[in-house]
Amino acid sequence: MSDDRGLSTVLDVAVCVILVAAGVVALTTVVPDDSAPDTTDPSATARAVLDSTASVTVANRTVHGTLAALLVDAAVADGRDRVPGYADAVSTAATRSLADTTRTAALTATWRPEDPCRAVDVTAGPTPPRGVGVDAVTLSVPTADDACGDAPVHLTVRTWSP
């Protein structure tokens, strides 16, 4: 036996102890998850939910996009009486996304165009309980619809505490 082997074993054990200690420190140090939205902050919920993606299938066609884009498209399509069932499919997909993210938020896409198009509200999510304080944030998304004017779609995210 040589002295090199004894030194190698001591170094191996020292490295192992350092790695185990580093693992223990890593496991016991809790870092808050900044990606999880604060369920009472409508701005954080709006970013988390409206930026999430979904797929919606209507009339044998699948549309994939962010919830914000899908809600805007659904409001305009419904107000122009195009693609029957699309607004309901988007509402269902958005409701599922909200259920996966938070159960204390609701979405509404509101479009108030000029004639011949009709006003539309596409909603998703639960209704806040009575007596609970509700916070809201509204984002305006421009539309360039020559037939119906240039009324924007307003995306409103409402949040409340459980």
N, C-alpha and C. Protein backbone atom coordinates (compact mmCIF):
# COMPACT_ATOMS: atom_id res chain seq x y z
N MET A 1 0.82 -1.16 0.00
CA MET A 1 0.00 0.00 0.00
C MET A 1 0.88 1.24 0.00
N SER A 2 0.40 2.24 -0.72
CA SER A 2 1.21 3.46 -0.78
C SER A 2 0.51 4.57 -0.01
N ASP A 3 1.26 5.62 0.30
CA ASP A 3 0.71 6.77 1.03
C ASP A 3 -0.27 7.57 0.17
N ASP A 4 -0.12 7.49 -1.18
CA ASP A 4 -1.01 8.22 -2.08
C ASP A 4 -2.45 7.77 -1.93
N ARG A 5 -2.63 6.47 -1.72
CA ARG A 5 -3.99 5.94 -1.58
C ARG A 5 -4.66 6.49 -0.33
N GLY A 6 -3.95 6.58 0.76
CA GLY A 6 -4.49 7.12 2.00
C GLY A 6 -4.86 8.58 1.87
N LEU A 7 -4.06 9.35 1.18
CA LEU A 7 -4.33 10.76 0.96
C LEU A 7 -5.54 10.93 0.05
N SER A 8 -5.67 10.07 -0.98
CA SER A 8 -6.80 10.13 -1.90
C SER A 8 -8.11 9.85 -1.17
N THR A 9 -8.11 8.89 -0.26
CA THR A 9 -9.30 8.55 0.49
C THR A 9 -9.72 9.72 1.39
N VAL A 10 -8.77 10.36 2.04
CA VAL A 10 -9.07 11.50 2.89
C VAL A 10 -9.66 12.64 2.06
N LEU A 11 -9.09 12.90 0.88
CA LEU A 11 -9.62 13.95 0.01
C LEU A 11 -11.02 13.59 -0.48
N ASP A 12 -11.22 12.33 -0.83
CA ASP A 12 -12.54 11.89 -1.29
C ASP A 12 -13.59 12.11 -0.20
N VAL A 13 -13.25 11.77 1.02
CA VAL A 13 -14.18 11.94 2.14
C VAL A 13 -14.43 13.43 2.38
N ALA A 14 -13.40 14.25 2.31
CA ALA A 14 -13.56 15.69 2.52
C ALA A 14 -14.47 16.29 1.45
N VAL A 15 -14.27 15.91 0.20
CA VAL A 15 -15.11 16.41 -0.88
C VAL A 15 -16.55 15.95 -0.69
N CYS A 16 -16.72 14.71 -0.26
CA CYS A 16 -18.07 14.18 -0.02
C CYS A 16 -18.76 14.95 1.10
N VAL A 17 -18.05 15.24 2.17
CA VAL A 17 -18.62 15.98 3.29
C VAL A 17 -19.02 17.39 2.83
N ILE A 18 -18.18 18.02 2.02
CA ILE A 18 -18.48 19.36 1.51
C ILE A 18 -19.73 19.32 0.63
N LEU A 19 -19.83 18.33 -0.25
CA LEU A 19 -20.99 18.22 -1.13
C LEU A 19 -22.27 17.95 -0.34
N VAL A 20 -22.20 17.08 0.66
CA VAL A 20 -23.37 16.80 1.48
C VAL A 20 -23.79 18.05 2.25
N ALA A 21 -22.81 18.78 2.79
CA ALA A 21 -23.14 20.02 3.52
C ALA A 21 -23.78 21.04 2.58
N ALA A 22 -23.25 21.15 1.37
CA ALA A 22 -23.84 22.08 0.39
C ALA A 22 -25.27 21.66 0.05
N GLY A 23 -25.50 20.37 -0.07
CA GLY A 23 -26.85 19.87 -0.35
C GLY A 23 -27.81 20.17 0.78
N VAL A 24 -27.34 20.01 2.02
CA VAL A 24 -28.18 20.30 3.18
C VAL A 24 -28.53 21.79 3.21
N VAL A 25 -27.54 22.64 2.95
CA VAL A 25 -27.80 24.09 2.94
C VAL A 25 -28.79 24.42 1.84
N ALA A 26 -28.63 23.82 0.67
CA ALA A 26 -29.54 24.09 -0.45
C ALA A 26 -30.96 23.64 -0.14
N LEU A 27 -31.10 22.50 0.51
CA LEU A 27 -32.43 21.98 0.82
C LEU A 27 -33.11 22.73 1.96
N THR A 28 -32.33 23.27 2.89
CA THR A 28 -32.94 23.94 4.03
C THR A 28 -33.13 25.43 3.80
N THR A 29 -32.56 25.98 2.76
CA THR A 29 -32.75 27.39 2.43
C THR A 29 -33.96 27.50 1.53
N VAL A 30 -35.00 28.15 2.01
CA VAL A 30 -36.23 28.28 1.24
C VAL A 30 -36.21 29.61 0.52
N VAL A 31 -36.34 29.55 -0.79
CA VAL A 31 -36.39 30.75 -1.60
C VAL A 31 -37.82 30.89 -2.09
N PRO A 32 -38.48 32.03 -1.85
CA PRO A 32 -39.86 32.18 -2.30
C PRO A 32 -39.95 32.12 -3.82
N ASP A 33 -41.04 31.53 -4.30
CA ASP A 33 -41.27 31.38 -5.73
C ASP A 33 -41.88 32.67 -6.27
N ASP A 34 -41.05 33.48 -6.96
CA ASP A 34 -41.52 34.74 -7.50
C ASP A 34 -42.42 34.57 -8.71
N SER A 35 -42.42 33.38 -9.31
CA SER A 35 -43.25 33.16 -10.50
C SER A 35 -44.71 32.93 -10.14
N ALA A 36 -44.99 32.54 -8.90
CA ALA A 36 -46.37 32.31 -8.49
C ALA A 36 -47.04 33.66 -8.22
N PRO A 37 -48.18 33.89 -8.85
CA PRO A 37 -48.82 35.19 -8.65
C PRO A 37 -49.43 35.31 -7.27
N ASP A 38 -49.42 36.54 -6.75
CA ASP A 38 -50.13 36.84 -5.52
C ASP A 38 -51.61 36.86 -5.88
N THR A 39 -52.40 35.99 -5.25
CA THR A 39 -53.79 35.83 -5.67
C THR A 39 -54.64 37.07 -5.40
N THR A 40 -54.15 38.01 -4.61
CA THR A 40 -54.93 39.22 -4.37
C THR A 40 -54.44 40.40 -5.20
N ASP A 41 -53.37 40.27 -5.93
CA ASP A 41 -52.82 41.35 -6.75
C ASP A 41 -53.30 41.17 -8.18
N PRO A 42 -54.24 42.01 -8.64
CA PRO A 42 -54.77 41.82 -9.98
C PRO A 42 -53.73 42.00 -11.08
N SER A 43 -52.72 42.86 -10.86
CA SER A 43 -51.68 43.05 -11.88
C SER A 43 -50.85 41.79 -12.04
N ALA A 44 -50.46 41.16 -10.93
CA ALA A 44 -49.69 39.93 -11.00
C ALA A 44 -50.52 38.80 -11.60
N THR A 45 -51.79 38.72 -11.22
CA THR A 45 -52.66 37.69 -11.78
C THR A 45 -52.87 37.93 -13.27
N ALA A 46 -53.05 39.19 -13.65
CA ALA A 46 -53.23 39.51 -15.07
C ALA A 46 -52.04 39.05 -15.88
N ARG A 47 -50.83 39.35 -15.39
CA ARG A 47 -49.63 38.91 -16.11
C ARG A 47 -49.56 37.40 -16.19
N ALA A 48 -49.81 36.73 -15.07
CA ALA A 48 -49.69 35.27 -15.04
C ALA A 48 -50.74 34.58 -15.91
N VAL A 49 -51.97 35.04 -15.80
CA VAL A 49 -53.06 34.36 -16.51
C VAL A 49 -53.13 34.77 -17.97
N LEU A 50 -53.11 36.05 -18.25
CA LEU A 50 -53.27 36.50 -19.63
C LEU A 50 -52.09 36.11 -20.51
N ASP A 51 -50.91 35.94 -19.92
CA ASP A 51 -49.75 35.50 -20.71
C ASP A 51 -49.68 33.98 -20.87
N SER A 52 -50.48 33.25 -20.10
CA SER A 52 -50.47 31.80 -20.26
C SER A 52 -51.14 31.44 -21.59
N THR A 53 -50.80 30.28 -22.10
CA THR A 53 -51.31 29.88 -23.41
C THR A 53 -52.34 28.78 -23.29
N ALA A 54 -53.16 28.68 -24.32
CA ALA A 54 -54.20 27.65 -24.37
C ALA A 54 -54.49 27.33 -25.83
N SER A 55 -55.09 26.20 -26.02
CA SER A 55 -55.56 25.80 -27.35
C SER A 55 -57.07 25.66 -27.30
N VAL A 56 -57.73 26.17 -28.32
CA VAL A 56 -59.18 26.13 -28.41
C VAL A 56 -59.54 25.53 -29.76
N THR A 57 -60.42 24.53 -29.74
CA THR A 57 -60.85 23.90 -30.98
C THR A 57 -62.33 24.20 -31.21
N VAL A 58 -62.62 24.80 -32.37
CA VAL A 58 -63.98 25.11 -32.77
C VAL A 58 -64.08 24.87 -34.27
N ALA A 59 -65.16 24.22 -34.68
CA ALA A 59 -65.41 23.95 -36.10
C ALA A 59 -64.22 23.26 -36.76
N ASN A 60 -63.70 22.22 -36.10
CA ASN A 60 -62.58 21.43 -36.62
C ASN A 60 -61.32 22.25 -36.85
N ARG A 61 -61.17 23.34 -36.17
CA ARG A 61 -59.97 24.17 -36.28
C ARG A 61 -59.46 24.47 -34.89
N THR A 62 -58.15 24.30 -34.69
CA THR A 62 -57.54 24.58 -33.40
C THR A 62 -56.76 25.88 -33.46
N VAL A 63 -57.04 26.75 -32.50
CA VAL A 63 -56.35 28.03 -32.39
C VAL A 63 -55.55 27.99 -31.10
N HIS A 64 -54.28 28.37 -31.18
CA HIS A 64 -53.39 28.36 -30.02
C HIS A 64 -52.87 29.78 -29.81
N GLY A 65 -52.90 30.26 -28.57
CA GLY A 65 -52.37 31.59 -28.29
C GLY A 65 -52.45 31.90 -26.82
N THR A 66 -52.06 33.12 -26.49
CA THR A 66 -52.18 33.55 -25.09
C THR A 66 -53.66 33.77 -24.78
N LEU A 67 -54.00 33.68 -23.50
CA LEU A 67 -55.39 33.92 -23.12
C LEU A 67 -55.81 35.34 -23.49
N ALA A 68 -54.90 36.29 -23.38
CA ALA A 68 -55.23 37.67 -23.75
C ALA A 68 -55.64 37.74 -25.22
N ALA A 69 -54.83 37.15 -26.10
CA ALA A 69 -55.13 37.18 -27.54
C ALA A 69 -56.41 36.41 -27.85
N LEU A 70 -56.59 35.26 -27.20
CA LEU A 70 -57.80 34.47 -27.44
C LEU A 70 -59.05 35.22 -26.99
N LEU A 71 -58.99 35.88 -25.82
CA LEU A 71 -60.15 36.62 -25.32
C LEU A 71 -60.49 37.80 -26.24
N VAL A 72 -59.48 38.52 -26.71
CA VAL A 72 -59.72 39.64 -27.63
C VAL A 72 -60.35 39.12 -28.92
N ASP A 73 -59.76 38.07 -29.50
CA ASP A 73 -60.30 37.49 -30.73
C ASP A 73 -61.73 37.00 -30.55
N ALA A 74 -61.99 36.36 -29.40
CA ALA A 74 -63.33 35.83 -29.14
C ALA A 74 -64.36 36.95 -29.03
N ALA A 75 -64.00 38.03 -28.35
CA ALA A 75 -64.93 39.15 -28.21
C ALA A 75 -65.27 39.75 -29.58
N VAL A 76 -64.25 39.97 -30.41
CA VAL A 76 -64.47 40.55 -31.73
C VAL A 76 -65.25 39.58 -32.62
N ALA A 77 -64.88 38.31 -32.59
CA ALA A 77 -65.58 37.32 -33.42
C ALA A 77 -67.05 37.20 -33.02
N ASP A 78 -67.30 37.23 -31.70
CA ASP A 78 -68.68 37.12 -31.23
C ASP A 78 -69.47 38.39 -31.56
N GLY A 79 -68.85 39.54 -31.44
CA GLY A 79 -69.52 40.80 -31.76
C GLY A 79 -69.83 40.96 -33.24
N ARG A 80 -69.07 40.29 -34.06
CA ARG A 80 -69.30 40.34 -35.51
C ARG A 80 -70.10 39.12 -35.98
N ASP A 81 -70.54 38.29 -35.04
CA ASP A 81 -71.30 37.07 -35.34
C ASP A 81 -70.53 36.12 -36.26
N ARG A 82 -69.26 35.97 -35.98
CA ARG A 82 -68.41 35.03 -36.71
C ARG A 82 -68.07 33.87 -35.79
N VAL A 83 -67.83 32.73 -36.35
CA VAL A 83 -67.39 31.52 -35.65
C VAL A 83 -68.25 31.23 -34.42
N PRO A 84 -69.47 30.76 -34.63
CA PRO A 84 -70.33 30.42 -33.50
C PRO A 84 -69.66 29.42 -32.56
N GLY A 85 -69.75 29.67 -31.28
CA GLY A 85 -69.19 28.77 -30.28
C GLY A 85 -67.76 29.11 -29.88
N TYR A 86 -67.10 29.99 -30.62
CA TYR A 86 -65.70 30.32 -30.32
C TYR A 86 -65.58 31.03 -28.97
N ALA A 87 -66.44 32.00 -28.71
CA ALA A 87 -66.38 32.72 -27.44
C ALA A 87 -66.61 31.78 -26.26
N ASP A 88 -67.54 30.84 -26.39
CA ASP A 88 -67.78 29.86 -25.31
C ASP A 88 -66.57 28.96 -25.11
N ALA A 89 -65.92 28.54 -26.20
CA ALA A 89 -64.74 27.68 -26.10
C ALA A 89 -63.59 28.41 -25.43
N VAL A 90 -63.40 29.68 -25.77
CA VAL A 90 -62.34 30.48 -25.14
C VAL A 90 -62.67 30.70 -23.67
N SER A 91 -63.92 30.98 -23.35
CA SER A 91 -64.32 31.15 -21.95
C SER A 91 -64.03 29.90 -21.14
N THR A 92 -64.33 28.74 -21.71
CA THR A 92 -64.07 27.47 -21.03
C THR A 92 -62.57 27.27 -20.81
N ALA A 93 -61.75 27.54 -21.84
CA ALA A 93 -60.30 27.38 -21.72
C ALA A 93 -59.74 28.35 -20.68
N ALA A 94 -60.22 29.58 -20.66
CA ALA A 94 -59.76 30.57 -19.69
C ALA A 94 -60.17 30.17 -18.28
N THR A 95 -61.38 29.65 -18.12
CA THR A 95 -61.84 29.20 -16.81
C THR A 95 -60.96 28.06 -16.29
N ARG A 96 -60.61 27.14 -17.18
CA ARG A 96 -59.70 26.04 -16.79
C ARG A 96 -58.35 26.58 -16.36
N SER A 97 -57.82 27.54 -17.12
CA SER A 97 -56.53 28.13 -16.78
C SER A 97 -56.58 28.83 -15.42
N LEU A 98 -57.66 29.54 -15.16
CA LEU A 98 -57.82 30.19 -13.86
C LEU A 98 -57.89 29.16 -12.74
N ALA A 99 -58.58 28.05 -12.97
CA ALA A 99 -58.69 27.01 -11.94
C ALA A 99 -57.33 26.40 -11.65
N ASP A 100 -56.46 26.32 -12.67
CA ASP A 100 -55.11 25.79 -12.48
C ASP A 100 -54.20 26.78 -11.77
N THR A 101 -54.46 28.08 -11.95
CA THR A 101 -53.58 29.12 -11.41
C THR A 101 -54.08 29.63 -10.07
N THR A 102 -55.32 30.04 -10.04
CA THR A 102 -55.91 30.62 -8.82
C THR A 102 -57.41 30.44 -8.89
N ARG A 103 -58.03 30.25 -7.76
CA ARG A 103 -59.49 30.13 -7.72
C ARG A 103 -60.14 31.43 -7.23
N THR A 104 -59.34 32.48 -7.15
CA THR A 104 -59.85 33.75 -6.64
C THR A 104 -59.66 34.86 -7.67
N ALA A 105 -59.96 34.56 -8.92
CA ALA A 105 -59.85 35.55 -9.98
C ALA A 105 -60.87 35.26 -11.07
N ALA A 106 -61.27 36.31 -11.77
CA ALA A 106 -62.19 36.19 -12.90
C ALA A 106 -61.72 37.13 -14.01
N LEU A 107 -62.03 36.78 -15.25
CA LEU A 107 -61.65 37.57 -16.42
C LEU A 107 -62.89 37.99 -17.18
N THR A 108 -62.83 39.19 -17.75
CA THR A 108 -63.89 39.65 -18.64
C THR A 108 -63.26 40.40 -19.80
N ALA A 109 -63.64 40.03 -21.02
CA ALA A 109 -63.25 40.77 -22.22
C ALA A 109 -64.50 41.50 -22.69
N THR A 110 -64.43 42.83 -22.74
CA THR A 110 -65.58 43.66 -23.10
C THR A 110 -65.27 44.42 -24.37
N TRP A 111 -66.19 44.32 -25.34
CA TRP A 111 -66.04 45.07 -26.60
C TRP A 111 -67.32 45.82 -26.86
N ARG A 112 -67.22 47.12 -27.06
CA ARG A 112 -68.36 47.99 -27.33
C ARG A 112 -68.15 48.68 -28.68
N PRO A 113 -68.37 47.96 -29.78
CA PRO A 113 -68.12 48.51 -31.11
C PRO A 113 -69.30 49.35 -31.61
N GLU A 114 -69.13 49.91 -32.79
CA GLU A 114 -70.20 50.65 -33.45
C GLU A 114 -71.06 49.67 -34.25
N ASP A 115 -72.23 50.16 -34.70
CA ASP A 115 -73.08 49.34 -35.58
C ASP A 115 -72.33 49.03 -36.85
N PRO A 116 -72.48 47.91 -37.46
CA PRO A 116 -73.48 46.87 -37.30
C PRO A 116 -73.07 45.79 -36.29
N CYS A 117 -71.93 45.93 -35.65
CA CYS A 117 -71.49 44.92 -34.69
C CYS A 117 -72.19 45.13 -33.36
N ARG A 118 -72.19 44.10 -32.54
CA ARG A 118 -72.90 44.20 -31.26
C ARG A 118 -71.92 44.14 -30.10
N ALA A 119 -72.32 44.70 -28.98
CA ALA A 119 -71.51 44.70 -27.76
C ALA A 119 -71.42 43.29 -27.20
N VAL A 120 -70.25 42.97 -26.67
CA VAL A 120 -69.99 41.61 -26.19
C VAL A 120 -69.22 41.65 -24.88
N ASP A 121 -69.55 40.72 -23.99
CA ASP A 121 -68.77 40.44 -22.79
C ASP A 121 -68.46 38.95 -22.80
N VAL A 122 -67.18 38.60 -22.83
CA VAL A 122 -66.76 37.20 -22.72
C VAL A 122 -66.17 37.06 -21.33
N THR A 123 -66.77 36.19 -20.50
CA THR A 123 -66.34 36.06 -19.12
C THR A 123 -65.77 34.67 -18.85
N ALA A 124 -64.91 34.62 -17.84
CA ALA A 124 -64.32 33.34 -17.43
C ALA A 124 -64.03 33.41 -15.94
N GLY A 125 -64.18 32.28 -15.28
CA GLY A 125 -63.87 32.21 -13.86
C GLY A 125 -65.09 32.37 -12.99
N PRO A 126 -64.88 32.19 -11.69
CA PRO A 126 -65.99 32.25 -10.74
C PRO A 126 -66.42 33.68 -10.42
N THR A 127 -67.58 33.81 -9.82
CA THR A 127 -68.07 35.09 -9.32
C THR A 127 -67.54 35.27 -7.90
N PRO A 128 -67.04 36.46 -7.57
CA PRO A 128 -66.54 36.67 -6.20
C PRO A 128 -67.66 36.46 -5.18
N PRO A 129 -67.32 35.93 -4.00
CA PRO A 129 -68.33 35.77 -2.96
C PRO A 129 -68.83 37.14 -2.48
N ARG A 130 -70.06 37.16 -1.99
CA ARG A 130 -70.64 38.41 -1.47
C ARG A 130 -69.86 38.87 -0.25
N GLY A 131 -69.71 40.18 -0.15
CA GLY A 131 -69.07 40.76 1.03
C GLY A 131 -67.56 40.74 1.02
N VAL A 132 -66.95 40.30 -0.07
CA VAL A 132 -65.50 40.23 -0.15
C VAL A 132 -65.00 41.41 -0.97
N GLY A 133 -63.92 42.04 -0.55
CA GLY A 133 -63.32 43.13 -1.30
C GLY A 133 -62.72 42.60 -2.61
N VAL A 134 -62.98 43.32 -3.69
CA VAL A 134 -62.50 42.89 -5.01
C VAL A 134 -61.59 43.97 -5.58
N ASP A 135 -60.42 43.55 -6.05
CA ASP A 135 -59.50 44.44 -6.76
C ASP A 135 -59.59 44.12 -8.24
N ALA A 136 -59.33 45.12 -9.07
CA ALA A 136 -59.42 44.89 -10.51
C ALA A 136 -58.37 45.70 -11.25
N VAL A 137 -57.97 45.18 -12.38
CA VAL A 137 -57.10 45.89 -13.31
C VAL A 137 -57.69 45.68 -14.71
N THR A 138 -57.70 46.74 -15.51
CA THR A 138 -58.24 46.65 -16.87
C THR A 138 -57.17 47.06 -17.86
N LEU A 139 -57.00 46.24 -18.87
CA LEU A 139 -56.06 46.51 -19.95
C LEU A 139 -56.86 46.77 -21.21
N SER A 140 -56.50 47.79 -21.96
CA SER A 140 -57.18 48.09 -23.22
C SER A 140 -56.34 47.59 -24.38
N VAL A 141 -56.97 46.81 -25.25
CA VAL A 141 -56.30 46.26 -26.42
C VAL A 141 -56.95 46.87 -27.66
N PRO A 142 -56.19 47.63 -28.44
CA PRO A 142 -56.78 48.26 -29.62
C PRO A 142 -57.21 47.24 -30.66
N THR A 143 -58.26 47.56 -31.38
CA THR A 143 -58.70 46.74 -32.50
C THR A 143 -58.77 47.65 -33.72
N ALA A 144 -58.42 47.13 -34.83
CA ALA A 144 -58.48 47.90 -36.08
C ALA A 144 -59.53 47.24 -36.96
N ASP A 145 -60.79 47.40 -36.56
CA ASP A 145 -61.88 46.77 -37.27
C ASP A 145 -62.61 47.84 -38.07
N ASP A 146 -62.39 47.86 -39.38
CA ASP A 146 -62.97 48.91 -40.23
C ASP A 146 -64.49 48.90 -40.21
N ALA A 147 -65.09 47.72 -40.15
CA ALA A 147 -66.55 47.63 -40.21
C ALA A 147 -67.23 48.05 -38.92
N CYS A 148 -66.51 47.98 -37.80
CA CYS A 148 -67.13 48.21 -36.50
C CYS A 148 -66.51 49.35 -35.72
N GLY A 149 -65.69 50.15 -36.33
CA GLY A 149 -65.03 51.24 -35.62
C GLY A 149 -63.75 50.76 -34.97
N ASP A 150 -63.17 51.63 -34.19
CA ASP A 150 -61.89 51.29 -33.58
C ASP A 150 -61.99 51.11 -32.06
N ALA A 151 -63.13 50.67 -31.60
CA ALA A 151 -63.31 50.46 -30.16
C ALA A 151 -62.36 49.38 -29.66
N PRO A 152 -61.64 49.64 -28.56
CA PRO A 152 -60.73 48.62 -28.03
C PRO A 152 -61.51 47.53 -27.27
N VAL A 153 -60.86 46.42 -27.07
CA VAL A 153 -61.39 45.38 -26.18
C VAL A 153 -60.74 45.64 -24.83
N HIS A 154 -61.56 45.70 -23.79
CA HIS A 154 -61.07 45.90 -22.43
C HIS A 154 -61.01 44.55 -21.74
N LEU A 155 -59.80 44.17 -21.31
CA LEU A 155 -59.61 42.93 -20.55
C LEU A 155 -59.53 43.29 -19.08
N THR A 156 -60.47 42.80 -18.30
CA THR A 156 -60.51 43.11 -16.87
C THR A 156 -60.23 41.84 -16.08
N VAL A 157 -59.29 41.94 -15.14
CA VAL A 157 -58.98 40.85 -14.23
C VAL A 157 -59.41 41.30 -12.84
N ARG A 158 -60.31 40.54 -12.23
CA ARG A 158 -60.77 40.82 -10.87
C ARG A 158 -60.20 39.75 -9.94
N THR A 159 -59.69 40.17 -8.79
CA THR A 159 -59.17 39.23 -7.80
C THR A 159 -59.76 39.55 -6.43
N TRP A 160 -59.75 38.56 -5.56
CA TRP A 160 -60.25 38.73 -4.20
C TRP A 160 -59.56 37.74 -3.29
N SER A 161 -59.66 37.97 -1.99
CA SER A 161 -59.08 37.05 -1.01
C SER A 161 -60.09 35.97 -0.71
N PRO A 162 -59.61 34.76 -0.47
CA PRO A 162 -60.55 33.67 -0.15
C PRO A 162 -61.22 33.84 1.18
